[in-house]
């Protein structure tokens, strides 16, 4: 069990470094990187797992993104808010959202429509949206 924790910690650290490198490659070291990392079907719901990294020099105290879910046919399934909570500077965080009544196999695309709430007193007003970088490790598209 201890070995699994060490492997998980190393994987999380390397994913965080990869996200920071992605922000640097895109020419914006100061960006929020959101990766749709996994999805899991549950009885009566679908859980989406995100890896999010705040590439800014300061902490984001609260980041809530308006999120739009589309089915495989491209039709709107629902509009919701995902609260990513506190995002410390330069540290990867994993956030999970369980969506009741959603079948994972029916989900085709996720749109991050923009920040609904962005509380970051030491950063600009656009810290959550400016240079937002999105990627996915699933078959589901992640756009913004």
N, C-alpha and C. Protein backbone atom coordinates (compact mmCIF):
# COMPACT_ATOMS: atom_id res chain seq x y z
N UNK A 1 0.82 -1.19 0.00
CA UNK A 1 0.00 0.00 0.00
C UNK A 1 0.87 1.26 0.00
N UNK A 2 1.96 1.21 0.79
CA UNK A 2 2.87 2.34 0.86
C UNK A 2 3.49 2.61 -0.51
N UNK A 3 3.84 1.53 -1.24
CA UNK A 3 4.44 1.65 -2.57
C UNK A 3 3.45 2.32 -3.53
N UNK A 4 2.18 1.96 -3.44
CA UNK A 4 1.15 2.55 -4.31
C UNK A 4 1.06 4.05 -4.05
N UNK A 5 1.10 4.46 -2.80
CA UNK A 5 1.05 5.89 -2.47
C UNK A 5 2.23 6.64 -3.06
N UNK A 6 3.43 6.03 -3.00
CA UNK A 6 4.61 6.68 -3.56
C UNK A 6 4.50 6.81 -5.08
N UNK A 7 4.00 5.76 -5.73
CA UNK A 7 3.82 5.80 -7.18
C UNK A 7 2.78 6.85 -7.54
N UNK A 8 1.67 6.90 -6.80
CA UNK A 8 0.63 7.89 -7.06
C UNK A 8 1.16 9.30 -6.86
N UNK A 9 1.95 9.52 -5.83
CA UNK A 9 2.53 10.85 -5.58
C UNK A 9 3.48 11.25 -6.70
N UNK A 10 4.30 10.30 -7.16
CA UNK A 10 5.23 10.59 -8.25
C UNK A 10 4.48 10.88 -9.54
N UNK A 11 3.41 10.14 -9.81
CA UNK A 11 2.61 10.36 -11.00
C UNK A 11 1.94 11.73 -10.96
N UNK A 12 1.38 12.09 -9.83
CA UNK A 12 0.74 13.40 -9.69
C UNK A 12 1.75 14.51 -9.89
N UNK A 13 2.93 14.37 -9.31
CA UNK A 13 3.98 15.39 -9.48
C UNK A 13 4.39 15.51 -10.93
N UNK A 14 4.56 14.38 -11.63
CA UNK A 14 4.97 14.44 -13.03
C UNK A 14 3.87 15.03 -13.90
N UNK A 15 2.60 14.75 -13.59
CA UNK A 15 1.50 15.35 -14.34
C UNK A 15 1.46 16.85 -14.13
N UNK A 16 1.75 17.28 -12.91
CA UNK A 16 1.80 18.72 -12.62
C UNK A 16 2.90 19.40 -13.39
N UNK A 17 4.07 18.75 -13.47
CA UNK A 17 5.18 19.30 -14.24
C UNK A 17 4.84 19.34 -15.72
N UNK A 18 4.14 18.32 -16.20
CA UNK A 18 3.73 18.29 -17.61
C UNK A 18 2.76 19.43 -17.91
N UNK A 19 1.85 19.69 -16.99
CA UNK A 19 0.90 20.79 -17.18
C UNK A 19 1.62 22.13 -17.18
N UNK A 20 2.59 22.29 -16.29
CA UNK A 20 3.37 23.54 -16.26
C UNK A 20 4.17 23.70 -17.54
N UNK A 21 4.73 22.59 -18.05
CA UNK A 21 5.48 22.64 -19.31
C UNK A 21 4.56 23.01 -20.46
N UNK A 22 3.33 22.49 -20.44
CA UNK A 22 2.36 22.83 -21.48
C UNK A 22 2.07 24.32 -21.46
N UNK A 23 1.94 24.90 -20.29
CA UNK A 23 1.69 26.33 -20.18
C UNK A 23 2.87 27.12 -20.72
N UNK A 24 4.09 26.67 -20.42
CA UNK A 24 5.28 27.34 -20.93
C UNK A 24 5.35 27.25 -22.45
N UNK A 25 5.06 26.06 -23.01
CA UNK A 25 5.10 25.87 -24.46
C UNK A 25 4.10 26.78 -25.16
N UNK A 26 2.97 26.98 -24.53
CA UNK A 26 1.92 27.81 -25.13
C UNK A 26 2.28 29.29 -25.04
N UNK A 27 3.40 29.59 -24.41
CA UNK A 27 3.85 30.97 -24.32
C UNK A 27 3.23 31.72 -23.16
N UNK A 28 2.58 31.01 -22.28
CA UNK A 28 1.94 31.65 -21.15
C UNK A 28 2.25 30.87 -19.89
N UNK A 29 3.30 31.26 -19.19
CA UNK A 29 3.65 30.58 -17.96
C UNK A 29 2.62 30.82 -16.89
N UNK A 30 1.84 31.88 -17.04
CA UNK A 30 0.82 32.20 -16.05
C UNK A 30 -0.55 31.87 -16.63
N UNK A 31 -0.97 30.64 -16.39
CA UNK A 31 -2.25 30.17 -16.88
C UNK A 31 -2.78 29.08 -15.96
N UNK A 32 -4.06 28.84 -16.03
CA UNK A 32 -4.65 27.70 -15.37
C UNK A 32 -4.73 26.60 -16.43
N UNK A 33 -4.26 25.41 -16.06
CA UNK A 33 -4.31 24.26 -16.95
C UNK A 33 -5.32 23.27 -16.37
N UNK A 34 -6.33 22.93 -17.16
CA UNK A 34 -7.34 21.96 -16.74
C UNK A 34 -7.26 20.76 -17.68
N UNK A 35 -7.06 19.60 -17.09
CA UNK A 35 -7.02 18.35 -17.86
C UNK A 35 -8.16 17.45 -17.41
N UNK A 36 -8.98 17.01 -18.36
CA UNK A 36 -9.96 15.97 -18.08
C UNK A 36 -9.19 14.67 -18.07
N UNK A 37 -8.95 14.14 -16.88
CA UNK A 37 -8.03 13.02 -16.71
C UNK A 37 -8.70 11.66 -16.79
N UNK A 38 -9.94 11.56 -16.30
CA UNK A 38 -10.61 10.26 -16.29
C UNK A 38 -12.12 10.46 -16.13
N UNK A 39 -12.84 9.42 -16.51
CA UNK A 39 -14.28 9.37 -16.24
C UNK A 39 -14.61 7.97 -15.75
N UNK A 40 -15.60 7.90 -14.88
CA UNK A 40 -15.97 6.62 -14.31
C UNK A 40 -17.48 6.54 -14.18
N UNK A 41 -18.03 5.48 -14.74
CA UNK A 41 -19.47 5.25 -14.63
C UNK A 41 -19.79 4.71 -13.24
N UNK A 42 -20.79 5.28 -12.63
CA UNK A 42 -21.29 4.82 -11.34
C UNK A 42 -22.77 4.51 -11.52
N UNK A 43 -23.33 3.86 -10.54
CA UNK A 43 -24.76 3.58 -10.62
C UNK A 43 -25.53 4.90 -10.53
N UNK A 44 -26.13 5.29 -11.63
CA UNK A 44 -26.97 6.50 -11.65
C UNK A 44 -26.21 7.79 -11.84
N UNK A 45 -24.89 7.74 -12.09
CA UNK A 45 -24.13 8.97 -12.30
C UNK A 45 -22.84 8.69 -13.07
N UNK A 46 -22.18 9.76 -13.43
CA UNK A 46 -20.88 9.69 -14.10
C UNK A 46 -19.94 10.62 -13.33
N UNK A 47 -18.77 10.13 -12.98
CA UNK A 47 -17.78 10.95 -12.27
C UNK A 47 -16.68 11.35 -13.24
N UNK A 48 -16.46 12.67 -13.33
CA UNK A 48 -15.38 13.22 -14.14
C UNK A 48 -14.26 13.64 -13.20
N UNK A 49 -13.03 13.25 -13.53
CA UNK A 49 -11.87 13.59 -12.73
C UNK A 49 -10.99 14.55 -13.52
N UNK A 50 -10.66 15.67 -12.91
CA UNK A 50 -9.83 16.70 -13.53
C UNK A 50 -8.54 16.87 -12.75
N UNK A 51 -7.46 17.10 -13.48
CA UNK A 51 -6.19 17.53 -12.90
C UNK A 51 -6.07 18.99 -13.27
N UNK A 52 -5.96 19.86 -12.26
CA UNK A 52 -5.89 21.29 -12.53
C UNK A 52 -4.64 21.86 -11.88
N UNK A 53 -3.93 22.71 -12.63
CA UNK A 53 -2.71 23.34 -12.13
C UNK A 53 -2.81 24.84 -12.34
N UNK A 54 -2.55 25.58 -11.28
CA UNK A 54 -2.51 27.04 -11.33
C UNK A 54 -1.07 27.44 -11.62
N UNK A 55 -0.83 27.94 -12.83
CA UNK A 55 0.50 28.35 -13.22
C UNK A 55 0.84 29.79 -12.88
N UNK A 56 -0.04 30.45 -12.15
CA UNK A 56 0.21 31.84 -11.74
C UNK A 56 1.16 31.89 -10.55
N UNK A 57 1.70 33.06 -10.29
CA UNK A 57 2.63 33.25 -9.17
C UNK A 57 1.91 33.26 -7.83
N UNK A 58 0.61 33.52 -7.83
CA UNK A 58 -0.16 33.59 -6.59
C UNK A 58 -1.30 32.59 -6.57
N UNK A 59 -1.82 32.36 -5.39
CA UNK A 59 -2.91 31.41 -5.19
C UNK A 59 -4.23 31.95 -5.73
N UNK A 60 -5.05 31.05 -6.23
CA UNK A 60 -6.44 31.35 -6.56
C UNK A 60 -7.25 30.77 -5.41
N UNK A 61 -7.95 31.64 -4.68
CA UNK A 61 -8.70 31.20 -3.50
C UNK A 61 -9.95 30.41 -3.85
N UNK A 62 -10.57 30.77 -4.98
CA UNK A 62 -11.79 30.07 -5.39
C UNK A 62 -11.94 30.20 -6.90
N UNK A 63 -12.08 29.05 -7.56
CA UNK A 63 -12.27 29.02 -9.01
C UNK A 63 -13.48 28.15 -9.33
N UNK A 64 -14.53 28.78 -9.86
CA UNK A 64 -15.74 28.07 -10.26
C UNK A 64 -15.93 28.32 -11.75
N UNK A 65 -16.01 27.23 -12.51
CA UNK A 65 -16.15 27.35 -13.96
C UNK A 65 -17.55 26.92 -14.40
N UNK A 66 -18.15 27.75 -15.28
CA UNK A 66 -19.40 27.35 -15.93
C UNK A 66 -19.04 26.28 -16.95
N UNK A 67 -19.67 25.13 -16.85
CA UNK A 67 -19.32 23.98 -17.65
C UNK A 67 -20.56 23.47 -18.38
N UNK A 68 -20.38 23.19 -19.68
CA UNK A 68 -21.48 22.73 -20.51
C UNK A 68 -21.16 21.31 -20.98
N UNK A 69 -22.10 20.41 -20.78
CA UNK A 69 -21.94 19.02 -21.17
C UNK A 69 -22.78 18.75 -22.41
N UNK A 70 -22.15 18.13 -23.42
CA UNK A 70 -22.84 17.80 -24.67
C UNK A 70 -22.85 16.29 -24.83
N UNK A 71 -23.92 15.76 -25.40
CA UNK A 71 -23.97 14.32 -25.65
C UNK A 71 -23.17 14.00 -26.91
N UNK A 72 -23.13 12.74 -27.27
CA UNK A 72 -22.32 12.30 -28.41
C UNK A 72 -22.84 12.86 -29.74
N UNK A 73 -24.10 13.24 -29.79
CA UNK A 73 -24.68 13.83 -31.00
C UNK A 73 -24.41 15.33 -31.07
N UNK A 74 -23.78 15.87 -30.03
CA UNK A 74 -23.46 17.29 -30.00
C UNK A 74 -24.55 18.17 -29.42
N UNK A 75 -25.58 17.56 -28.87
CA UNK A 75 -26.67 18.33 -28.28
C UNK A 75 -26.40 18.60 -26.80
N UNK A 76 -26.86 19.76 -26.37
CA UNK A 76 -26.70 20.17 -24.97
C UNK A 76 -27.34 19.14 -24.05
N UNK A 77 -26.58 18.65 -23.10
CA UNK A 77 -27.10 17.73 -22.10
C UNK A 77 -27.45 18.50 -20.83
N UNK A 78 -26.52 19.38 -20.42
CA UNK A 78 -26.79 20.26 -19.27
C UNK A 78 -25.70 21.30 -19.11
N UNK A 79 -26.06 22.36 -18.42
CA UNK A 79 -25.13 23.43 -18.06
C UNK A 79 -25.01 23.38 -16.54
N UNK A 80 -23.79 23.43 -16.05
CA UNK A 80 -23.57 23.29 -14.61
C UNK A 80 -22.37 24.13 -14.18
N UNK A 81 -22.13 24.19 -12.89
CA UNK A 81 -20.96 24.87 -12.35
C UNK A 81 -20.07 23.84 -11.66
N UNK A 82 -18.77 23.86 -11.98
CA UNK A 82 -17.79 23.01 -11.32
C UNK A 82 -16.91 23.89 -10.44
N UNK A 83 -16.96 23.64 -9.13
CA UNK A 83 -16.19 24.41 -8.16
C UNK A 83 -14.85 23.70 -7.93
N UNK A 84 -13.78 24.26 -8.48
CA UNK A 84 -12.46 23.68 -8.33
C UNK A 84 -11.80 24.09 -7.02
N UNK A 85 -12.45 24.97 -6.27
CA UNK A 85 -11.95 25.35 -4.96
C UNK A 85 -10.68 26.17 -5.00
N UNK A 86 -9.84 25.98 -4.00
CA UNK A 86 -8.57 26.69 -3.89
C UNK A 86 -7.52 26.03 -4.78
N UNK A 87 -6.80 26.87 -5.53
CA UNK A 87 -5.74 26.38 -6.40
C UNK A 87 -4.43 27.07 -6.02
N UNK A 88 -3.59 26.39 -5.25
CA UNK A 88 -2.31 26.98 -4.87
C UNK A 88 -1.41 27.16 -6.10
N UNK A 89 -0.55 28.14 -6.06
CA UNK A 89 0.36 28.42 -7.17
C UNK A 89 1.29 27.24 -7.43
N UNK A 90 1.33 26.82 -8.71
CA UNK A 90 2.29 25.81 -9.13
C UNK A 90 2.08 24.41 -8.60
N UNK A 91 0.95 24.14 -7.97
CA UNK A 91 0.70 22.82 -7.39
C UNK A 91 -0.49 22.16 -8.07
N UNK A 92 -0.32 20.95 -8.56
CA UNK A 92 -1.45 20.26 -9.19
C UNK A 92 -2.48 19.83 -8.15
N UNK A 93 -3.73 19.86 -8.54
CA UNK A 93 -4.82 19.42 -7.67
C UNK A 93 -5.76 18.55 -8.49
N UNK A 94 -6.29 17.50 -7.88
CA UNK A 94 -7.27 16.64 -8.52
C UNK A 94 -8.64 17.00 -7.96
N UNK A 95 -9.59 17.17 -8.88
CA UNK A 95 -10.97 17.49 -8.48
C UNK A 95 -11.90 16.52 -9.21
N UNK A 96 -12.88 16.00 -8.47
CA UNK A 96 -13.86 15.08 -9.06
C UNK A 96 -15.25 15.66 -8.93
N UNK A 97 -16.03 15.44 -9.98
CA UNK A 97 -17.41 15.90 -10.00
C UNK A 97 -18.29 14.74 -10.44
N UNK A 98 -19.23 14.38 -9.59
CA UNK A 98 -20.17 13.32 -9.89
C UNK A 98 -21.45 13.97 -10.42
N UNK A 99 -21.85 13.56 -11.63
CA UNK A 99 -23.00 14.18 -12.27
C UNK A 99 -24.15 13.18 -12.26
N UNK A 100 -25.15 13.41 -11.40
CA UNK A 100 -26.27 12.48 -11.30
C UNK A 100 -27.09 12.44 -12.59
N UNK A 101 -27.58 11.25 -12.91
CA UNK A 101 -28.44 11.09 -14.08
C UNK A 101 -27.71 11.11 -15.41
N UNK A 102 -26.38 11.13 -15.39
CA UNK A 102 -25.60 11.15 -16.62
C UNK A 102 -24.94 9.79 -16.84
N UNK A 103 -25.09 9.26 -18.04
CA UNK A 103 -24.42 8.02 -18.42
C UNK A 103 -23.13 8.42 -19.12
N UNK A 104 -22.00 7.97 -18.61
CA UNK A 104 -20.69 8.36 -19.16
C UNK A 104 -20.59 8.09 -20.65
N UNK A 105 -21.10 6.95 -21.09
CA UNK A 105 -21.01 6.58 -22.51
C UNK A 105 -21.77 7.54 -23.41
N UNK A 106 -22.71 8.30 -22.86
CA UNK A 106 -23.49 9.26 -23.65
C UNK A 106 -22.80 10.61 -23.77
N UNK A 107 -21.77 10.85 -22.97
CA UNK A 107 -21.09 12.14 -22.96
C UNK A 107 -20.11 12.24 -24.12
N UNK A 108 -20.19 13.33 -24.89
CA UNK A 108 -19.33 13.48 -26.04
C UNK A 108 -18.30 14.58 -25.92
N UNK A 109 -18.70 15.67 -25.23
CA UNK A 109 -17.80 16.82 -25.16
C UNK A 109 -18.13 17.66 -23.93
N UNK A 110 -17.10 18.29 -23.37
CA UNK A 110 -17.25 19.20 -22.24
C UNK A 110 -16.68 20.55 -22.67
N UNK A 111 -17.48 21.59 -22.46
CA UNK A 111 -17.07 22.96 -22.76
C UNK A 111 -16.88 23.72 -21.46
N UNK A 112 -15.67 24.24 -21.25
CA UNK A 112 -15.44 25.16 -20.13
C UNK A 112 -15.80 26.54 -20.67
N UNK A 113 -16.96 27.03 -20.26
CA UNK A 113 -17.53 28.25 -20.82
C UNK A 113 -16.88 29.51 -20.26
N UNK A 114 -16.17 29.37 -19.17
CA UNK A 114 -15.50 30.52 -18.54
C UNK A 114 -15.69 30.49 -17.05
N UNK A 115 -14.95 31.36 -16.38
CA UNK A 115 -15.01 31.41 -14.92
C UNK A 115 -16.27 32.13 -14.49
N UNK A 116 -17.04 31.48 -13.64
CA UNK A 116 -18.21 32.09 -13.03
C UNK A 116 -17.78 32.88 -11.80
N UNK A 117 -16.81 32.33 -11.09
CA UNK A 117 -16.23 32.96 -9.90
C UNK A 117 -14.72 32.77 -9.96
N UNK A 118 -13.99 33.85 -9.71
CA UNK A 118 -12.54 33.76 -9.66
C UNK A 118 -12.07 34.73 -8.57
N UNK A 119 -11.72 34.16 -7.43
CA UNK A 119 -11.24 34.96 -6.31
C UNK A 119 -9.74 34.74 -6.16
N UNK A 120 -8.99 35.76 -6.55
CA UNK A 120 -7.53 35.70 -6.48
C UNK A 120 -7.01 37.10 -6.18
N UNK A 121 -7.01 37.49 -4.91
CA UNK A 121 -6.69 38.87 -4.54
C UNK A 121 -5.34 39.37 -5.03
N UNK A 122 -4.36 38.48 -5.17
CA UNK A 122 -3.02 38.91 -5.57
C UNK A 122 -2.79 38.82 -7.08
N UNK A 123 -3.84 38.44 -7.83
CA UNK A 123 -3.71 38.26 -9.28
C UNK A 123 -4.69 39.18 -10.01
N UNK A 124 -4.58 39.20 -11.33
CA UNK A 124 -5.48 40.03 -12.12
C UNK A 124 -6.90 39.47 -12.08
N UNK A 125 -7.86 40.29 -12.47
CA UNK A 125 -9.26 39.89 -12.47
C UNK A 125 -9.53 38.75 -13.46
N UNK A 126 -8.65 38.58 -14.43
CA UNK A 126 -8.84 37.55 -15.46
C UNK A 126 -7.96 36.32 -15.24
N UNK A 127 -7.44 36.16 -14.05
CA UNK A 127 -6.49 35.07 -13.77
C UNK A 127 -7.04 33.68 -14.10
N UNK A 128 -8.32 33.46 -13.89
CA UNK A 128 -8.89 32.13 -14.12
C UNK A 128 -9.14 31.84 -15.60
N UNK A 129 -9.32 32.90 -16.41
CA UNK A 129 -9.66 32.72 -17.82
C UNK A 129 -8.51 33.01 -18.77
N UNK A 130 -7.68 33.99 -18.44
CA UNK A 130 -6.61 34.41 -19.36
C UNK A 130 -5.63 33.27 -19.58
N UNK A 131 -5.48 32.87 -20.81
CA UNK A 131 -4.53 31.81 -21.13
C UNK A 131 -4.95 30.43 -20.67
N UNK A 132 -6.23 30.24 -20.38
CA UNK A 132 -6.72 28.94 -19.92
C UNK A 132 -6.33 27.85 -20.92
N UNK A 133 -5.68 26.81 -20.43
CA UNK A 133 -5.24 25.71 -21.28
C UNK A 133 -6.02 24.44 -20.92
N UNK A 134 -6.54 23.77 -21.94
CA UNK A 134 -7.38 22.60 -21.74
C UNK A 134 -6.81 21.41 -22.48
N UNK A 135 -6.89 20.24 -21.85
CA UNK A 135 -6.45 19.00 -22.49
C UNK A 135 -7.26 17.85 -21.91
N UNK A 136 -7.25 16.73 -22.61
CA UNK A 136 -7.98 15.56 -22.15
C UNK A 136 -7.16 14.30 -22.33
N UNK A 137 -7.36 13.36 -21.44
CA UNK A 137 -6.76 12.03 -21.55
C UNK A 137 -7.86 10.99 -21.75
N UNK A 138 -9.04 11.46 -22.10
CA UNK A 138 -10.19 10.58 -22.30
C UNK A 138 -10.66 10.71 -23.75
N UNK A 139 -11.67 9.96 -24.11
CA UNK A 139 -12.25 10.07 -25.44
C UNK A 139 -13.17 11.28 -25.54
N UNK A 140 -13.46 11.92 -24.42
CA UNK A 140 -14.35 13.07 -24.38
C UNK A 140 -13.55 14.33 -24.72
N UNK A 141 -14.07 15.12 -25.64
CA UNK A 141 -13.41 16.37 -25.99
C UNK A 141 -13.55 17.39 -24.87
N UNK A 142 -12.53 18.17 -24.65
CA UNK A 142 -12.55 19.27 -23.68
C UNK A 142 -12.17 20.53 -24.42
N UNK A 143 -13.11 21.47 -24.49
CA UNK A 143 -12.90 22.71 -25.24
C UNK A 143 -13.23 23.90 -24.36
N UNK A 144 -12.81 25.09 -24.83
CA UNK A 144 -13.10 26.28 -24.06
C UNK A 144 -12.91 27.54 -24.87
